Protein backbone atom coordinates (compact mmCIF):
# COMPACT_ATOMS: atom_id res chain seq x y z
CA MET A 1 55.84 -65.52 -27.69
CA ARG A 2 59.20 -63.82 -27.22
CA GLY A 3 60.25 -65.03 -30.64
CA LEU A 4 57.18 -63.43 -32.21
CA LEU A 5 57.07 -60.15 -30.30
CA SER A 6 59.67 -57.77 -29.05
CA ARG A 7 59.58 -56.82 -25.38
CA GLY A 8 58.00 -53.47 -26.21
CA GLU A 9 55.33 -55.06 -28.42
CA MET A 10 54.52 -57.62 -25.75
CA LEU A 11 54.15 -54.95 -23.05
CA LEU A 12 51.93 -52.84 -25.29
CA GLY A 13 49.74 -55.84 -26.06
CA ILE A 14 49.34 -56.64 -22.37
CA ALA A 15 48.59 -53.00 -21.57
CA TYR A 16 45.99 -52.75 -24.33
CA ALA A 17 44.23 -55.90 -23.11
CA ALA A 18 44.32 -54.65 -19.52
CA VAL A 19 42.81 -51.26 -20.41
CA GLY A 20 40.27 -52.98 -22.65
CA PHE A 21 39.03 -55.12 -19.75
CA ALA A 22 39.44 -52.40 -17.09
CA ILE A 23 35.92 -50.96 -17.21
CA LEU A 24 34.18 -54.32 -17.23
CA ALA A 25 36.37 -55.42 -14.33
CA ALA A 26 35.46 -52.28 -12.37
CA LEU A 27 31.76 -52.84 -12.98
CA LEU A 28 31.99 -56.47 -11.88
CA ALA A 29 33.99 -55.53 -8.80
CA SER A 30 31.19 -53.25 -7.59
CA GLY A 31 29.11 -56.30 -6.69
CA ASN A 32 25.97 -54.72 -8.18
CA THR A 33 23.68 -56.29 -10.75
CA LEU A 34 24.88 -55.13 -14.16
CA THR A 35 22.60 -53.81 -16.87
CA GLY A 36 25.18 -54.44 -19.60
CA GLY A 37 26.12 -50.77 -20.11
CA GLU A 38 29.87 -50.25 -20.30
CA ASN A 39 30.47 -46.76 -21.64
CA ALA A 40 29.62 -43.12 -21.10
CA VAL A 41 26.78 -43.78 -23.55
CA ALA A 42 25.52 -46.96 -21.91
CA ALA A 43 22.32 -46.83 -23.95
CA ASP A 44 24.35 -47.99 -26.95
CA GLN A 45 25.34 -51.25 -25.27
CA LEU A 46 21.77 -51.79 -24.06
CA GLN A 47 20.66 -51.32 -27.67
CA TYR A 48 23.16 -53.97 -28.75
CA LEU A 49 21.87 -56.36 -26.08
CA SER A 50 18.35 -55.87 -27.41
CA TRP A 51 19.71 -56.86 -30.81
CA VAL A 52 21.21 -60.01 -29.28
CA VAL A 53 17.82 -60.89 -27.78
CA SER A 54 16.00 -60.26 -31.05
CA ALA A 55 18.56 -62.20 -33.10
CA SER A 56 18.23 -65.15 -30.70
CA HIS A 57 14.56 -65.44 -31.71
CA ASN A 58 14.40 -64.28 -35.31
CA TRP A 59 17.91 -64.34 -36.84
CA THR A 60 17.16 -60.86 -38.15
CA ILE A 61 16.98 -57.93 -35.72
CA ASP A 62 13.61 -56.36 -34.92
CA SER A 63 13.16 -53.24 -32.82
CA LEU A 64 12.04 -53.92 -29.23
CA TRP A 65 11.70 -50.19 -28.49
CA THR A 66 7.97 -49.94 -29.16
CA ILE A 67 4.82 -51.92 -28.38
CA PRO A 68 4.06 -54.12 -30.20
CA PRO A 69 7.60 -54.86 -31.35
CA GLN A 70 8.66 -54.45 -34.93
CA GLU A 71 8.17 -57.56 -37.03
CA GLY A 72 9.72 -58.64 -40.29
CA SER A 73 12.87 -56.51 -40.19
CA ALA A 74 15.46 -57.21 -42.86
CA PHE A 75 18.34 -56.12 -40.59
CA PHE A 76 20.83 -58.98 -40.44
CA HIS A 77 24.14 -58.70 -38.59
CA LEU A 78 26.48 -61.66 -38.33
CA GLY A 79 28.13 -60.47 -35.10
CA PHE A 80 24.87 -60.04 -33.19
CA LEU A 81 23.45 -63.20 -34.72
CA THR A 82 26.43 -65.13 -33.34
CA SER A 83 25.79 -63.64 -29.90
CA GLY A 84 22.09 -64.38 -30.29
CA LEU A 85 22.78 -68.04 -31.00
CA LEU A 86 25.05 -68.23 -27.95
CA HIS A 87 22.26 -66.70 -25.88
CA LYS A 88 19.74 -69.14 -27.30
CA ALA A 89 22.10 -71.96 -26.33
CA GLY A 90 21.93 -70.84 -22.70
CA LEU A 91 24.60 -68.18 -22.24
CA GLY A 92 23.46 -64.98 -20.52
CA VAL A 93 22.70 -62.07 -22.81
CA ILE A 94 25.51 -59.88 -21.42
CA ALA A 95 28.05 -62.71 -21.60
CA SER A 96 26.88 -63.52 -25.14
CA TYR A 97 27.91 -60.05 -26.22
CA GLN A 98 31.05 -59.83 -24.10
CA VAL A 99 32.56 -62.89 -25.80
CA TRP A 100 33.58 -60.46 -28.53
CA LYS A 101 35.89 -58.49 -26.23
CA PRO A 102 38.92 -60.84 -26.34
CA VAL A 103 38.34 -61.31 -30.07
CA SER A 104 38.28 -57.57 -30.74
CA ILE A 105 41.35 -56.93 -28.57
CA ALA A 106 43.28 -59.58 -30.51
CA VAL A 107 42.09 -58.26 -33.90
CA ILE A 108 43.14 -54.68 -33.12
CA PHE A 109 46.52 -55.62 -31.68
CA ILE A 110 47.43 -58.02 -34.49
CA ALA A 111 46.23 -55.67 -37.24
CA PHE A 112 48.02 -52.63 -35.82
CA LEU A 113 51.18 -54.64 -35.15
CA LEU A 114 51.32 -56.01 -38.70
CA TYR A 115 50.65 -52.60 -40.21
CA VAL A 116 53.36 -50.91 -38.18
CA ARG A 117 55.79 -53.68 -39.09
CA ARG A 118 54.96 -53.23 -42.77
CA LEU A 119 55.75 -49.50 -42.75
CA LEU A 120 58.55 -49.07 -40.21
CA PRO A 121 61.81 -50.92 -39.52
CA ALA A 122 62.34 -52.82 -36.27
CA GLY A 123 63.34 -50.87 -33.22
CA GLY A 124 62.10 -47.94 -31.21
CA GLN A 125 60.30 -46.21 -34.06
CA ARG A 126 58.13 -49.25 -34.64
CA THR A 127 57.34 -49.56 -30.93
CA ALA A 128 56.52 -45.85 -30.73
CA ALA A 129 54.13 -46.03 -33.68
CA LEU A 130 52.37 -49.07 -32.20
CA ALA A 131 52.00 -47.24 -28.88
CA LEU A 132 50.52 -44.24 -30.68
CA GLY A 133 48.11 -46.45 -32.60
CA LEU A 134 46.91 -48.27 -29.48
CA PHE A 135 46.93 -45.42 -26.96
CA GLY A 136 47.60 -42.15 -28.82
CA LEU A 137 45.38 -39.25 -27.83
CA SER A 138 45.84 -35.50 -27.60
CA PRO A 139 46.46 -34.42 -23.98
CA ALA A 140 44.19 -31.40 -24.57
CA GLY A 141 41.14 -33.18 -23.16
CA ALA A 142 43.02 -34.22 -20.04
CA ILE A 143 44.41 -30.70 -19.50
CA ILE A 144 41.10 -28.94 -20.07
CA GLY A 145 39.19 -31.52 -18.05
CA PHE A 146 41.64 -31.31 -15.14
CA ASN A 147 41.64 -27.52 -15.01
CA GLN A 148 37.95 -27.11 -15.90
CA LEU A 149 38.76 -24.56 -18.61
CA ALA A 150 35.60 -25.27 -20.57
CA THR A 151 31.94 -25.75 -19.76
CA GLU A 152 30.53 -29.24 -19.55
CA ARG A 153 28.35 -28.75 -22.63
CA GLY A 154 30.95 -26.85 -24.64
CA LEU A 155 34.48 -27.48 -25.80
CA GLN A 156 35.30 -30.02 -23.10
CA SER A 157 32.34 -32.29 -23.88
CA ASP A 158 33.09 -32.16 -27.62
CA LEU A 159 36.74 -33.03 -26.97
CA GLU A 160 35.60 -36.04 -24.94
CA PHE A 161 33.24 -36.98 -27.77
CA ALA A 162 36.07 -36.85 -30.32
CA ALA A 163 38.38 -38.77 -27.98
CA GLY A 164 35.81 -41.53 -27.69
CA GLU A 165 35.87 -41.97 -31.45
CA LEU A 166 39.68 -41.86 -31.81
CA PHE A 167 40.89 -43.63 -28.66
CA ALA A 168 41.39 -47.31 -29.52
CA PRO A 169 40.78 -48.72 -25.98
CA SER A 170 37.36 -47.02 -25.82
CA TRP A 171 36.17 -49.32 -28.61
CA GLN A 172 36.68 -52.21 -26.20
CA TRP A 173 34.34 -50.57 -23.67
CA GLY A 174 31.18 -51.90 -25.23
CA TYR A 175 31.90 -51.20 -28.91
CA MET A 176 33.65 -54.40 -29.89
CA MET A 177 32.13 -54.50 -33.39
CA THR A 178 33.77 -51.13 -34.03
CA ALA A 179 37.15 -52.51 -32.96
CA ILE A 180 36.82 -55.54 -35.20
CA ALA A 181 35.77 -53.39 -38.17
CA VAL A 182 38.75 -51.05 -37.73
CA GLY A 183 41.09 -54.03 -37.42
CA LEU A 184 39.62 -55.62 -40.55
CA MET A 185 40.07 -52.36 -42.47
CA VAL A 186 43.78 -52.38 -41.60
CA LEU A 187 44.17 -56.09 -42.40
CA GLY A 188 42.28 -55.56 -45.65
CA LEU A 189 44.88 -53.01 -46.79
CA LEU A 190 47.70 -55.45 -46.05
CA VAL A 191 46.10 -58.43 -47.79
CA ALA A 192 45.00 -56.35 -50.80
CA GLU A 193 48.59 -55.17 -51.28
CA ARG A 194 49.95 -58.70 -51.03
CA ALA A 195 47.45 -59.84 -53.65
CA LEU A 196 49.11 -57.49 -56.14
CA ARG A 197 52.56 -58.92 -55.43
CA ALA A 198 51.57 -62.59 -55.64
CA GLU A 199 52.16 -64.64 -58.77
CA LYS A 200 49.08 -66.71 -57.86
CA PRO A 201 46.83 -64.18 -56.11
CA ALA A 202 43.58 -66.18 -55.93
CA GLY A 203 43.91 -67.11 -52.26
CA ARG A 204 44.78 -63.58 -51.21
CA ILE A 205 41.95 -62.11 -53.29
CA VAL A 206 39.48 -64.44 -51.59
CA ALA A 207 40.86 -63.45 -48.18
CA ALA A 208 40.77 -59.73 -49.02
CA SER A 209 37.20 -60.05 -50.31
CA ALA A 210 36.05 -61.80 -47.13
CA ILE A 211 37.75 -59.14 -45.01
CA ALA A 212 36.13 -56.34 -47.03
CA LEU A 213 32.69 -57.96 -46.79
CA PHE A 214 32.78 -58.37 -43.01
CA CYS A 215 34.40 -54.97 -42.47
CA SER A 216 31.59 -53.23 -44.38
CA TRP A 217 28.94 -55.33 -42.71
CA LEU A 218 30.18 -54.62 -39.20
CA GLN A 219 30.66 -50.88 -39.81
CA PRO A 220 29.99 -49.33 -43.22
CA TRP A 221 32.21 -46.30 -42.49
CA GLN A 222 35.33 -48.46 -42.37
CA GLY A 223 34.17 -50.56 -45.29
CA ALA A 224 33.79 -47.47 -47.47
CA GLU A 225 37.24 -46.24 -46.42
CA LEU A 226 38.83 -49.60 -47.24
CA LEU A 227 37.16 -49.58 -50.65
CA GLY A 228 38.22 -46.01 -51.39
CA ALA A 229 41.79 -46.58 -50.24
CA ILE A 230 42.27 -49.63 -52.47
CA VAL A 231 40.92 -47.78 -55.49
CA ILE A 232 43.20 -44.78 -54.87
CA CYS A 233 46.26 -46.95 -54.30
CA ASP A 234 45.60 -48.98 -57.44
CA LEU A 235 45.38 -45.78 -59.48
CA VAL A 236 48.32 -43.97 -57.89
CA ALA A 237 50.81 -46.73 -57.05
CA PRO A 238 49.78 -50.01 -58.69
CA GLY A 239 53.26 -51.50 -58.70
CA ARG A 240 54.61 -53.69 -61.45
CA ILE A 241 51.28 -54.86 -62.93
CA GLY A 242 49.84 -51.45 -63.87
CA ARG A 243 46.80 -49.58 -62.60
CA TRP A 244 44.12 -51.21 -64.75
CA ALA A 245 45.41 -54.69 -64.03
CA ALA A 246 45.47 -53.82 -60.32
CA LEU A 247 41.89 -52.59 -60.44
CA ARG A 248 40.78 -55.72 -62.30
CA ARG A 249 42.53 -57.94 -59.78
CA HIS A 250 40.75 -56.20 -56.93
CA LEU A 251 37.28 -56.29 -58.52
CA PRO A 252 36.03 -59.09 -56.19
CA VAL A 253 37.23 -57.05 -53.21
CA PHE A 254 35.34 -53.99 -54.45
CA ALA A 255 32.17 -56.03 -54.94
CA ALA A 256 32.44 -57.56 -51.47
CA ALA A 257 32.87 -54.14 -49.85
CA VAL A 258 30.00 -52.58 -51.80
CA ILE A 259 27.35 -55.23 -51.05
CA PRO A 260 26.86 -54.24 -47.38
CA LEU A 261 27.00 -50.54 -48.26
CA VAL A 262 24.15 -50.96 -50.75
CA TYR A 263 22.29 -53.13 -48.22
CA TYR A 264 22.49 -50.52 -45.46
CA ARG A 265 21.46 -47.77 -47.87
CA TRP A 266 18.46 -49.88 -48.85
CA LEU A 267 17.55 -50.36 -45.16
CA GLU A 268 17.65 -46.59 -44.63
CA GLY A 269 15.13 -46.12 -47.40
CA THR A 270 12.74 -48.96 -46.52
CA ASP A 271 12.83 -49.55 -42.76
CA ASP A 272 11.03 -47.10 -40.47
CA VAL A 273 13.37 -47.57 -37.51
CA TRP A 274 16.36 -46.80 -39.72
CA ASN A 275 14.70 -43.53 -40.68
CA ILE A 276 14.30 -42.76 -36.97
CA ALA A 277 17.97 -43.54 -36.42
CA GLY A 278 19.01 -41.29 -39.28
CA GLU A 279 17.04 -38.35 -37.92
CA ALA A 280 18.40 -38.85 -34.40
CA ASN A 281 22.04 -39.27 -35.39
CA ASN A 282 22.16 -36.54 -38.01
CA GLY A 283 20.72 -34.06 -35.54
CA ILE A 284 23.94 -34.00 -33.47
CA ALA A 285 25.97 -30.80 -33.79
CA LEU A 286 29.22 -31.13 -35.73
CA TRP A 287 32.58 -30.48 -34.09
CA SER A 288 33.90 -26.94 -34.11
CA PRO A 289 37.29 -26.07 -35.68
CA TRP A 290 38.74 -25.86 -32.15
CA VAL A 291 37.87 -29.50 -31.52
CA TRP A 292 39.70 -30.53 -34.68
CA ILE A 293 42.71 -28.33 -33.89
CA LEU A 294 43.07 -29.53 -30.29
CA THR A 295 42.44 -33.16 -31.20
CA LEU A 296 44.65 -33.46 -34.28
CA GLY A 297 47.12 -30.62 -33.72
CA VAL A 298 49.52 -32.90 -31.84
CA TYR A 299 50.07 -34.77 -35.12
CA LEU A 300 51.40 -31.66 -36.89
CA PRO A 301 54.86 -33.25 -37.53
CA ALA A 302 53.00 -35.84 -39.63
CA LEU A 303 51.82 -33.17 -42.10
CA PRO A 304 54.99 -33.10 -44.27
CA VAL A 305 54.81 -36.87 -44.60
CA TRP A 306 51.11 -36.74 -45.47
CA LEU A 307 51.81 -34.18 -48.20
CA SER A 308 54.89 -35.98 -49.58
CA LYS A 309 54.87 -38.33 -52.55
CA PRO A 310 54.48 -41.98 -51.45
CA ARG A 311 56.99 -44.51 -52.68
CA ASP A 312 54.72 -47.59 -52.86
CA TRP A 313 51.17 -48.93 -52.56
CA GLN A 314 50.99 -49.13 -48.76
CA GLN A 315 52.63 -45.75 -48.24
CA THR A 316 49.89 -44.40 -50.50
CA ALA A 317 47.25 -46.09 -48.32
CA LEU A 318 48.86 -44.57 -45.24
CA ARG A 319 48.20 -41.10 -46.66
CA ALA A 320 44.90 -41.87 -48.34
CA VAL A 321 42.99 -43.29 -45.37
CA PRO A 322 43.05 -40.17 -43.13
CA ALA A 323 42.05 -38.04 -46.14
CA LEU A 324 39.19 -40.42 -46.88
CA MET A 325 38.09 -40.30 -43.26
CA LEU A 326 37.89 -36.51 -43.32
CA ALA A 327 36.14 -36.60 -46.70
CA GLN A 328 33.58 -39.12 -45.49
CA TYR A 329 32.90 -37.08 -42.35
CA SER A 330 32.31 -33.99 -44.47
CA PHE A 331 30.21 -35.81 -47.07
CA ILE A 332 27.85 -37.37 -44.50
CA ALA A 333 27.58 -34.08 -42.61
CA ILE A 334 26.80 -32.01 -45.72
CA ALA A 335 24.89 -34.41 -47.96
CA GLU A 336 23.25 -36.38 -45.10
CA VAL A 337 23.83 -39.57 -47.05
CA GLY A 338 24.49 -42.16 -44.39
CA THR A 339 24.48 -41.27 -40.73
CA PHE A 340 26.63 -40.27 -37.75
CA PRO A 341 29.69 -38.83 -39.52
CA PHE A 342 31.82 -39.01 -36.36
CA HIS A 343 32.41 -42.75 -36.81
CA ALA A 344 34.31 -41.95 -40.00
CA ILE A 345 37.48 -41.04 -38.06
CA GLN A 346 37.71 -44.27 -36.07
CA GLY A 347 41.14 -45.77 -36.67
CA MET A 348 42.74 -42.51 -37.79
CA GLY A 349 45.18 -42.56 -34.85
CA LEU A 350 47.10 -45.52 -36.28
CA PHE A 351 47.77 -43.82 -39.61
CA LEU A 352 48.59 -40.44 -38.07
CA GLY A 353 50.78 -42.11 -35.45
CA ILE A 354 52.89 -43.83 -38.10
CA MET A 355 53.24 -40.63 -40.10
CA LEU A 356 54.09 -38.74 -36.91
CA VAL A 357 56.99 -41.11 -36.28
CA GLN A 358 58.10 -40.79 -39.90
CA GLY A 359 57.86 -37.01 -39.60
CA MET A 360 59.97 -36.92 -36.44
CA LEU A 361 62.59 -39.00 -38.26
CA ARG A 362 62.69 -36.31 -40.93
CA ILE A 363 63.41 -33.72 -38.26
CA ARG A 364 66.11 -35.87 -36.66
CA PRO A 365 67.49 -39.21 -37.91
CA ALA A 366 67.01 -42.47 -36.02
CA GLU A 367 70.57 -42.34 -34.69
CA TRP A 368 69.90 -38.97 -33.05
CA TRP A 369 66.78 -40.30 -31.31
CA GLY A 370 68.66 -43.47 -30.36
CA GLY A 371 71.09 -41.36 -28.37
CA ARG A 372 68.22 -39.58 -26.63
CA VAL A 373 65.92 -42.42 -25.66
CA PRO A 374 64.43 -40.60 -22.62
CA LEU A 375 63.36 -37.71 -24.87
CA ALA A 376 61.79 -40.05 -27.43
CA VAL A 377 60.00 -42.07 -24.74
CA GLY A 378 58.84 -38.88 -23.04
CA LEU A 379 57.31 -37.45 -26.20
CA CYS A 380 55.56 -40.72 -26.93
CA ALA A 381 54.31 -40.95 -23.34
CA LEU A 382 52.95 -37.40 -23.57
CA LEU A 383 50.66 -38.50 -26.39
CA CYS A 384 49.62 -41.74 -24.68
CA VAL A 385 49.62 -41.55 -20.89
CA PRO A 386 47.63 -38.38 -19.98
CA GLY A 387 44.82 -39.18 -22.38
CA THR A 388 44.62 -42.81 -21.28
CA LEU A 389 44.55 -41.96 -17.58
CA HIS A 390 41.99 -39.21 -18.20
CA ARG A 391 39.65 -41.50 -20.12
CA ILE A 392 39.87 -44.19 -17.45
CA ASN A 393 39.30 -41.62 -14.71
CA LEU A 394 36.22 -40.26 -16.49
CA MET A 395 34.77 -43.76 -16.59
CA ARG A 396 35.66 -44.27 -12.91
CA LEU A 397 33.77 -41.11 -11.99
CA ASP A 398 30.81 -42.10 -14.18
CA ILE A 399 30.60 -45.47 -12.46
CA GLN A 400 30.84 -43.93 -8.99
CA ARG A 401 28.08 -41.43 -9.77
CA SER A 402 25.98 -44.00 -11.65
CA ALA A 403 25.69 -41.29 -14.27
CA GLN A 404 24.65 -43.95 -16.77
CA PRO A 405 22.44 -47.03 -16.28
CA TYR A 406 25.30 -49.35 -15.35
CA PHE A 407 23.55 -51.05 -12.43
CA LEU A 408 20.11 -52.15 -11.31
CA GLU A 409 19.02 -51.07 -7.85
CA ASP A 410 17.94 -53.62 -5.24
CA GLY A 411 14.47 -54.69 -6.23
CA GLU A 412 14.72 -53.60 -9.86
CA ASP A 413 16.48 -56.82 -10.80
CA GLY A 414 13.76 -58.85 -9.06
CA ALA A 415 11.02 -56.87 -10.79
CA LEU A 416 12.60 -57.39 -14.21
CA GLU A 417 12.97 -61.11 -13.53
CA ARG A 418 9.29 -61.30 -12.53
CA ILE A 419 8.26 -59.63 -15.78
CA ARG A 420 10.56 -61.92 -17.76
CA SER A 421 9.08 -65.06 -16.19
CA ALA A 422 5.43 -63.99 -16.42
CA PRO A 423 3.49 -66.29 -18.75
CA GLY A 424 2.43 -64.96 -22.11
CA SER A 425 3.62 -61.98 -24.06
CA GLY A 426 3.14 -58.30 -23.32
CA GLY A 427 5.15 -55.10 -23.36
CA VAL A 428 6.46 -52.81 -20.63
CA LEU A 429 6.18 -49.10 -19.92
CA ALA A 430 8.91 -47.79 -17.61
CA PRO A 431 10.96 -44.64 -16.96
CA ILE A 432 13.80 -44.25 -19.45
CA LYS A 433 16.72 -45.20 -17.19
CA THR A 434 15.21 -48.60 -16.40
CA ALA A 435 13.37 -48.96 -19.71
CA LEU A 436 16.72 -49.25 -21.49
CA SER A 437 17.34 -52.54 -19.63
CA VAL A 438 13.91 -54.04 -20.27
CA PRO A 439 14.57 -55.88 -23.59
CA SER A 440 17.85 -57.45 -22.44
CA HIS A 441 16.54 -58.47 -18.99
CA THR A 442 12.97 -59.46 -19.87
CA GLU A 443 13.14 -60.21 -23.61
CA ARG A 444 10.00 -58.09 -23.97
CA PRO A 445 9.40 -54.85 -25.90
CA VAL A 446 9.31 -51.52 -24.10
CA TRP A 447 7.41 -48.34 -24.98
CA VAL A 448 10.39 -45.97 -24.73
CA GLY A 449 14.10 -46.84 -24.94
CA GLN A 450 17.07 -46.11 -27.16
CA ILE A 451 16.87 -42.74 -28.90
CA SER A 452 17.91 -44.03 -32.31
CA TRP A 453 15.06 -46.56 -32.61
CA THR A 454 12.27 -45.13 -30.40
CA PRO A 455 9.48 -43.23 -32.22
CA ASP A 456 8.89 -39.73 -30.81
CA PHE A 457 11.67 -40.35 -28.30
CA ARG A 458 11.68 -37.06 -26.38
CA GLU A 459 7.90 -36.91 -26.11
CA ARG A 460 7.79 -40.49 -24.82
CA VAL A 461 10.56 -39.89 -22.29
CA ALA A 462 8.73 -36.85 -20.92
CA ALA A 463 5.38 -38.66 -20.82
CA ALA A 464 6.83 -41.67 -18.95
CA GLU A 465 8.61 -39.41 -16.44
CA ASN A 466 5.42 -37.47 -15.76
CA LEU A 467 3.43 -40.67 -15.33
CA PHE A 468 5.78 -42.31 -12.83
CA ASN A 469 6.34 -39.04 -10.98
CA GLY A 470 2.57 -38.74 -10.43
CA LYS A 471 2.29 -35.53 -12.45
CA LEU A 472 -0.51 -36.68 -14.76
CA SER A 473 -4.20 -36.37 -14.04
CA PRO A 474 -6.21 -39.61 -13.93
CA ALA A 475 -7.55 -38.95 -17.43
CA GLU A 476 -4.07 -38.21 -18.82
CA ALA A 477 -2.54 -41.25 -17.11
CA ARG A 478 -5.22 -43.60 -18.43
CA LEU A 479 -4.93 -42.17 -21.93
CA LEU A 480 -1.14 -42.69 -21.90
CA VAL A 481 -1.32 -46.22 -20.51
CA ASP A 482 -4.05 -47.28 -22.93
CA GLY A 483 -2.22 -45.75 -25.89
CA SER A 484 1.08 -47.40 -25.00
CA GLY A 485 -0.31 -50.91 -25.35
CA ALA A 486 1.70 -51.98 -22.29
CA ARG A 487 0.74 -55.00 -20.21
CA PHE A 488 3.18 -54.08 -17.41
CA LEU A 489 4.15 -50.81 -15.78
CA LEU A 490 7.54 -50.93 -14.08
CA SER A 491 8.19 -48.19 -11.53
CA ASP A 492 11.88 -48.06 -10.63
CA CYS A 493 13.67 -46.85 -7.53
CA GLY A 494 13.79 -43.28 -8.74
CA HIS A 495 10.01 -42.98 -8.97
CA ARG A 496 7.79 -43.58 -5.94
CA ALA A 497 4.32 -42.35 -6.99
CA ASP A 498 1.47 -44.81 -6.36
CA LEU A 499 -0.40 -45.11 -9.66
CA ARG A 500 -3.24 -47.31 -8.42
CA PRO A 501 -5.59 -44.44 -7.53
CA VAL A 502 -5.28 -42.83 -10.97
CA LEU A 503 -5.42 -46.06 -12.97
CA GLY A 504 -8.20 -47.64 -10.97
CA ALA A 505 -9.65 -50.87 -12.37
CA ARG A 506 -7.02 -51.03 -15.10
CA VAL A 507 -4.61 -52.48 -12.52
CA VAL A 508 -5.05 -56.25 -12.25
CA THR A 509 -2.16 -56.93 -9.87
CA PHE A 510 0.36 -54.80 -8.02
CA LYS A 511 3.51 -55.94 -6.26
CA ARG A 512 6.56 -54.24 -4.78
CA TYR A 513 10.11 -55.52 -5.18
CA GLY A 514 12.16 -53.46 -2.76
CA CYS A 515 11.91 -49.89 -4.04
CA ALA A 516 10.55 -51.01 -7.43
CA ALA A 517 6.98 -51.93 -8.28
CA ILE A 518 5.10 -53.79 -11.03
CA TYR A 519 1.58 -52.98 -12.17
CA GLU A 520 -0.04 -55.59 -14.41
CA LEU A 521 -2.80 -54.05 -16.50
CA ARG A 522 -5.95 -55.18 -18.22
CA GLY A 523 -5.82 -55.10 -21.99
CA GLY A 524 -2.63 -54.03 -23.70
CA TRP A 525 -0.76 -55.83 -26.43
CA ARG A 526 -0.37 -59.56 -25.78
């Protein structure tokens, strides 16, 4: 290993793996029963676990967030299918998804390392750029969060939102497909460049095409950016073979990247749950100029490099990718073609980090920095350490407060297991916090769940809360229960109302599991 990595690279790799596993380790150390949530938006991971469950039965992914569940979906995802097959073979649903964590950590580290090595000479500048790619983050969020200079729902929350998209370790906290897609985008740029240099490029073209295909399939934002960057580089800096020859050589790569993009666009136009997702995700307010300034302002020394003329294909890609990310964000936000523009900037830190190092070398040469190592290390640490500690601390506080559905209360796990093992089919109606765990823990559909795939999400959340809080009249409660199609009602530890008097003869059986309770109903979807 020492022959392959410098000491600095090795330490950064170990640190990245440690931070990537830190949140999962903290959740496991609590001793509580895990839901599978691992991030400040735990509902996302619980959505992914529902996809694992669905893929284990159908290969394609149906929505389990309504009763009866969706059938006949055309959504196919190789990553979740792999996890689904592992689950079908006997591995737990959470473990089936978590197998991707070491893979995604390795993909990010190797891709970022190779890219930094391609663009910077050995030594401190290369180590600094790798550190910025893996851990770089504006300290603005840490400073504002520490001093409480902004309201929770204002600038501070938007800065945390942006940090979650940019901060490479946060992809390992439940978003491993994102990490792999970003890593594949970076590797795709390297392999595509090498294909132009090779006398016999067939093998590299095949590899680049496979990388582009899987990158687009895992996350279309990164696939589109890889496609755009290769086209721009072939036109601007094709090297010795000329721009049209470069474009022709890369045609299989372009086709491979486009196929998933067309597929996802087709899903958006034909699949009802994808329409729901588009409406939910495109309804999120865009970031204000202050968020962009405070998040990206620390990379100001990179601006002269970004605006300078590149000397080769990969230097062109270095400049093109951040521009494409900003363009894609703006295009999705304005045209509403695609969804969730914020994912467009994932991976930007690597490219800006390299250009930041190059920009600092324009201010002072490498020899000057070599004589002032503490200053260089201090500046690099300023862009890595405060943000990293702040993000970890935010997750620590979230876990302590149980602000997200990270754990099941005593009794809730037993109730979910009872529903899972009950003979026959049938869906579940539960309050939102517990409902999110129903598909992954029972392999049954639930009436309300993840916002991006639940019809009439806010209305259903409110109706379920009112039901389990005992705020509905008997007529209203019966109308809701009958309309939901649920076979089971699951009352969690946050809701103690006894629903038997209002539901009457509709309740076939009732049983408590600690502070949770299950009502089995007559009728309902089976």
